[in-house]
């Protein structure tokens, strides 16, 4: 168990305009746990601490108050985004099913993904 810097966690959550319940849902813990982390009455286990860091794209040291620099190196940031994706209760299911997909399913997924990317690029113009 680790003593989190509750104010930092609360600030990161509010910056993303999330309720305690919404953040809990994203990292698979209860609202009561998030409240406890923020007010210092509860400490996350190692896995939960890592999920929080991955979700917010910060280092565990930042969440623990060991550093004032939240920024990860580009490699750490990419790994954090990947971990957040595969640990997401909804998206992670899709990722875990990919190795069992046949070529036709993968081709369709690639086509859909390209359509999504093209639509997002059009929205940015």
C-alpha atoms as a PDB file:
ATOM      1  CA  UNK A   1       0.000   0.000   0.000  1.00  0.00           C
ATOM      2  CA  UNK A   2       1.105   3.522  -0.829  1.00  0.00           C
ATOM      3  CA  UNK A   3       0.075   6.876   0.612  1.00  0.00           C
ATOM      4  CA  UNK A   4      -1.149   8.898  -2.319  1.00  0.00           C
ATOM      5  CA  UNK A   5      -0.978  12.658  -2.541  1.00  0.00           C
ATOM      6  CA  UNK A   6      -4.753  13.050  -2.338  1.00  0.00           C
ATOM      7  CA  UNK A   7      -4.779  16.683  -3.436  1.00  0.00           C
ATOM      8  CA  UNK A   8      -2.929  15.783  -6.625  1.00  0.00           C
ATOM      9  CA  UNK A   9      -5.340  12.996  -7.390  1.00  0.00           C
ATOM     10  CA  UNK A  10      -8.294  15.298  -6.787  1.00  0.00           C
ATOM     11  CA  UNK A  11      -6.768  18.010  -8.988  1.00  0.00           C
ATOM     12  CA  UNK A  12      -6.135  15.559 -11.849  1.00  0.00           C
ATOM     13  CA  UNK A  13      -9.668  14.202 -11.557  1.00  0.00           C
ATOM     14  CA  UNK A  14     -11.218  17.665 -11.585  1.00  0.00           C
ATOM     15  CA  UNK A  15      -9.055  18.768 -14.536  1.00  0.00           C
ATOM     16  CA  UNK A  16     -10.694  15.956 -16.492  1.00  0.00           C
ATOM     17  CA  UNK A  17     -14.108  16.951 -15.137  1.00  0.00           C
ATOM     18  CA  UNK A  18     -14.733  13.514 -13.659  1.00  0.00           C
ATOM     19  CA  UNK A  19     -16.742  12.624 -10.597  1.00  0.00           C
ATOM     20  CA  UNK A  20     -15.279  10.196  -8.090  1.00  0.00           C
ATOM     21  CA  UNK A  21     -17.715   7.578  -9.386  1.00  0.00           C
ATOM     22  CA  UNK A  22     -16.634   8.123 -13.009  1.00  0.00           C
ATOM     23  CA  UNK A  23     -12.938   7.857 -12.129  1.00  0.00           C
ATOM     24  CA  UNK A  24     -13.630   4.741 -10.081  1.00  0.00           C
ATOM     25  CA  UNK A  25     -15.428   3.180 -13.053  1.00  0.00           C
ATOM     26  CA  UNK A  26     -12.479   3.994 -15.330  1.00  0.00           C
ATOM     27  CA  UNK A  27      -9.932   2.261 -13.089  1.00  0.00           C
ATOM     28  CA  UNK A  28     -12.237  -0.401 -11.656  1.00  0.00           C
ATOM     29  CA  UNK A  29     -12.551   0.740  -8.030  1.00  0.00           C
ATOM     30  CA  UNK A  30     -15.467   2.178  -6.040  1.00  0.00           C
ATOM     31  CA  UNK A  31     -16.322   5.826  -5.425  1.00  0.00           C
ATOM     32  CA  UNK A  32     -15.600   5.136  -1.746  1.00  0.00           C
ATOM     33  CA  UNK A  33     -12.043   4.098  -2.656  1.00  0.00           C
ATOM     34  CA  UNK A  34     -11.453   7.246  -4.732  1.00  0.00           C
ATOM     35  CA  UNK A  35     -12.823   9.385  -1.890  1.00  0.00           C
ATOM     36  CA  UNK A  36     -10.535   7.584   0.557  1.00  0.00           C
ATOM     37  CA  UNK A  37      -7.482   8.112  -1.669  1.00  0.00           C
ATOM     38  CA  UNK A  38      -8.281  11.811  -2.025  1.00  0.00           C
ATOM     39  CA  UNK A  39      -8.814  12.468   1.687  1.00  0.00           C
ATOM     40  CA  UNK A  40      -5.936  10.246   2.855  1.00  0.00           C
ATOM     41  CA  UNK A  41      -8.030   7.618   4.630  1.00  0.00           C
ATOM     42  CA  UNK A  42      -7.219   4.866   2.155  1.00  0.00           C
ATOM     43  CA  UNK A  43      -4.188   3.758   0.153  1.00  0.00           C
ATOM     44  CA  UNK A  44      -4.254   2.063  -3.246  1.00  0.00           C
ATOM     45  CA  UNK A  45      -2.517  -1.222  -3.895  1.00  0.00           C
ATOM     46  CA  UNK A  46       0.286  -1.355  -6.471  1.00  0.00           C
ATOM     47  CA  UNK A  47      -2.000  -2.267  -9.376  1.00  0.00           C
ATOM     48  CA  UNK A  48      -4.470   0.507  -8.600  1.00  0.00           C
ATOM     49  CA  UNK A  49      -1.689   3.066  -8.225  1.00  0.00           C
ATOM     50  CA  UNK A  50      -0.359   2.056 -11.653  1.00  0.00           C
ATOM     51  CA  UNK A  51      -3.844   2.233 -13.210  1.00  0.00           C
ATOM     52  CA  UNK A  52      -4.272   5.756 -11.813  1.00  0.00           C
ATOM     53  CA  UNK A  53      -0.899   6.835 -13.192  1.00  0.00           C
ATOM     54  CA  UNK A  54      -1.643   5.248 -16.574  1.00  0.00           C
ATOM     55  CA  UNK A  55      -5.076   6.830 -16.750  1.00  0.00           C
ATOM     56  CA  UNK A  56      -3.769  10.320 -15.997  1.00  0.00           C
ATOM     57  CA  UNK A  57      -0.535   9.931 -17.963  1.00  0.00           C
ATOM     58  CA  UNK A  58       1.647  10.786 -14.987  1.00  0.00           C
ATOM     59  CA  UNK A  59       4.282   8.894 -13.060  1.00  0.00           C
ATOM     60  CA  UNK A  60       3.482   6.978  -9.900  1.00  0.00           C
ATOM     61  CA  UNK A  61       6.125   9.136  -8.186  1.00  0.00           C
ATOM     62  CA  UNK A  62       4.064  12.217  -9.048  1.00  0.00           C
ATOM     63  CA  UNK A  63       0.923  10.673  -7.540  1.00  0.00           C
ATOM     64  CA  UNK A  64       2.882   9.739  -4.421  1.00  0.00           C
ATOM     65  CA  UNK A  65       4.293  13.260  -4.074  1.00  0.00           C
ATOM     66  CA  UNK A  66       7.887  12.131  -4.621  1.00  0.00           C
ATOM     67  CA  UNK A  67       8.326  14.526  -7.554  1.00  0.00           C
ATOM     68  CA  UNK A  68       6.637  17.696  -8.714  1.00  0.00           C
ATOM     69  CA  UNK A  69       7.146  16.775 -12.359  1.00  0.00           C
ATOM     70  CA  UNK A  70       4.101  14.909 -13.688  1.00  0.00           C
ATOM     71  CA  UNK A  71       5.442  14.541 -17.222  1.00  0.00           C
ATOM     72  CA  UNK A  72       6.547  11.153 -18.417  1.00  0.00           C
ATOM     73  CA  UNK A  73       9.208  10.528 -21.021  1.00  0.00           C
ATOM     74  CA  UNK A  74       7.702   9.872 -24.492  1.00  0.00           C
ATOM     75  CA  UNK A  75       8.318   6.139 -24.070  1.00  0.00           C
ATOM     76  CA  UNK A  76       6.723   6.110 -20.592  1.00  0.00           C
ATOM     77  CA  UNK A  77       3.775   8.115 -21.940  1.00  0.00           C
ATOM     78  CA  UNK A  78       3.201   5.676 -24.818  1.00  0.00           C
ATOM     79  CA  UNK A  79       3.364   2.739 -22.420  1.00  0.00           C
ATOM     80  CA  UNK A  80       0.965   4.475 -20.030  1.00  0.00           C
ATOM     81  CA  UNK A  81      -1.533   5.121 -22.841  1.00  0.00           C
ATOM     82  CA  UNK A  82      -1.279   1.512 -23.985  1.00  0.00           C
ATOM     83  CA  UNK A  83      -1.790   0.189 -20.439  1.00  0.00           C
ATOM     84  CA  UNK A  84      -4.754   2.506 -19.913  1.00  0.00           C
ATOM     85  CA  UNK A  85      -6.283   1.234 -23.162  1.00  0.00           C
ATOM     86  CA  UNK A  86      -5.910  -2.469 -22.409  1.00  0.00           C
ATOM     87  CA  UNK A  87      -7.047  -1.975 -18.796  1.00  0.00           C
ATOM     88  CA  UNK A  88     -10.130  -0.012 -19.829  1.00  0.00           C
ATOM     89  CA  UNK A  89     -13.144  -2.220 -18.985  1.00  0.00           C
ATOM     90  CA  UNK A  90     -14.722  -1.608 -22.409  1.00  0.00           C
ATOM     91  CA  UNK A  91     -11.794  -1.147 -24.795  1.00  0.00           C
ATOM     92  CA  UNK A  92      -9.562  -3.765 -23.215  1.00  0.00           C
ATOM     93  CA  UNK A  93     -12.035  -6.494 -24.120  1.00  0.00           C
ATOM     94  CA  UNK A  94     -11.613  -5.676 -27.798  1.00  0.00           C
ATOM     95  CA  UNK A  95      -7.838  -5.630 -27.571  1.00  0.00           C
ATOM     96  CA  UNK A  96      -7.725  -9.005 -25.845  1.00  0.00           C
ATOM     97  CA  UNK A  97      -9.901 -10.532 -28.578  1.00  0.00           C
ATOM     98  CA  UNK A  98      -7.658  -9.379 -31.448  1.00  0.00           C
ATOM     99  CA  UNK A  99      -5.303 -12.409 -31.396  1.00  0.00           C
ATOM    100  CA  UNK A 100      -8.329 -14.682 -31.933  1.00  0.00           C
ATOM    101  CA  UNK A 101      -9.601 -12.718 -34.939  1.00  0.00           C
ATOM    102  CA  UNK A 102      -9.394 -14.149 -38.446  1.00  0.00           C
ATOM    103  CA  UNK A 103      -7.997 -12.231 -41.444  1.00  0.00           C
ATOM    104  CA  UNK A 104     -11.400 -11.077 -42.650  1.00  0.00           C
ATOM    105  CA  UNK A 105     -12.291  -9.653 -39.240  1.00  0.00           C
ATOM    106  CA  UNK A 106      -8.935  -7.878 -39.017  1.00  0.00           C
ATOM    107  CA  UNK A 107      -9.379  -6.444 -42.521  1.00  0.00           C
ATOM    108  CA  UNK A 108     -12.790  -5.067 -41.530  1.00  0.00           C
ATOM    109  CA  UNK A 109     -11.361  -3.588 -38.337  1.00  0.00           C
ATOM    110  CA  UNK A 110      -8.573  -1.883 -40.313  1.00  0.00           C
ATOM    111  CA  UNK A 111     -11.122  -0.424 -42.730  1.00  0.00           C
ATOM    112  CA  UNK A 112     -13.312   0.873 -39.907  1.00  0.00           C
ATOM    113  CA  UNK A 113     -10.278   2.304 -38.119  1.00  0.00           C
ATOM    114  CA  UNK A 114      -9.159   4.127 -41.275  1.00  0.00           C
ATOM    115  CA  UNK A 115     -12.660   5.592 -41.642  1.00  0.00           C
ATOM    116  CA  UNK A 116     -12.586   6.829 -38.043  1.00  0.00           C
ATOM    117  CA  UNK A 117      -9.143   8.394 -38.504  1.00  0.00           C
ATOM    118  CA  UNK A 118     -10.211  10.075 -41.749  1.00  0.00           C
ATOM    119  CA  UNK A 119     -13.344  11.474 -40.065  1.00  0.00           C
ATOM    120  CA  UNK A 120     -11.282  12.801 -37.142  1.00  0.00           C
ATOM    121  CA  UNK A 121      -8.801  14.414 -39.526  1.00  0.00           C
ATOM    122  CA  UNK A 122     -11.680  16.057 -41.405  1.00  0.00           C
ATOM    123  CA  UNK A 123     -13.081  17.422 -38.120  1.00  0.00           C
ATOM    124  CA  UNK A 124      -9.719  19.006 -37.307  1.00  0.00           C
ATOM    125  CA  UNK A 125      -9.664  21.042 -40.520  1.00  0.00           C
END
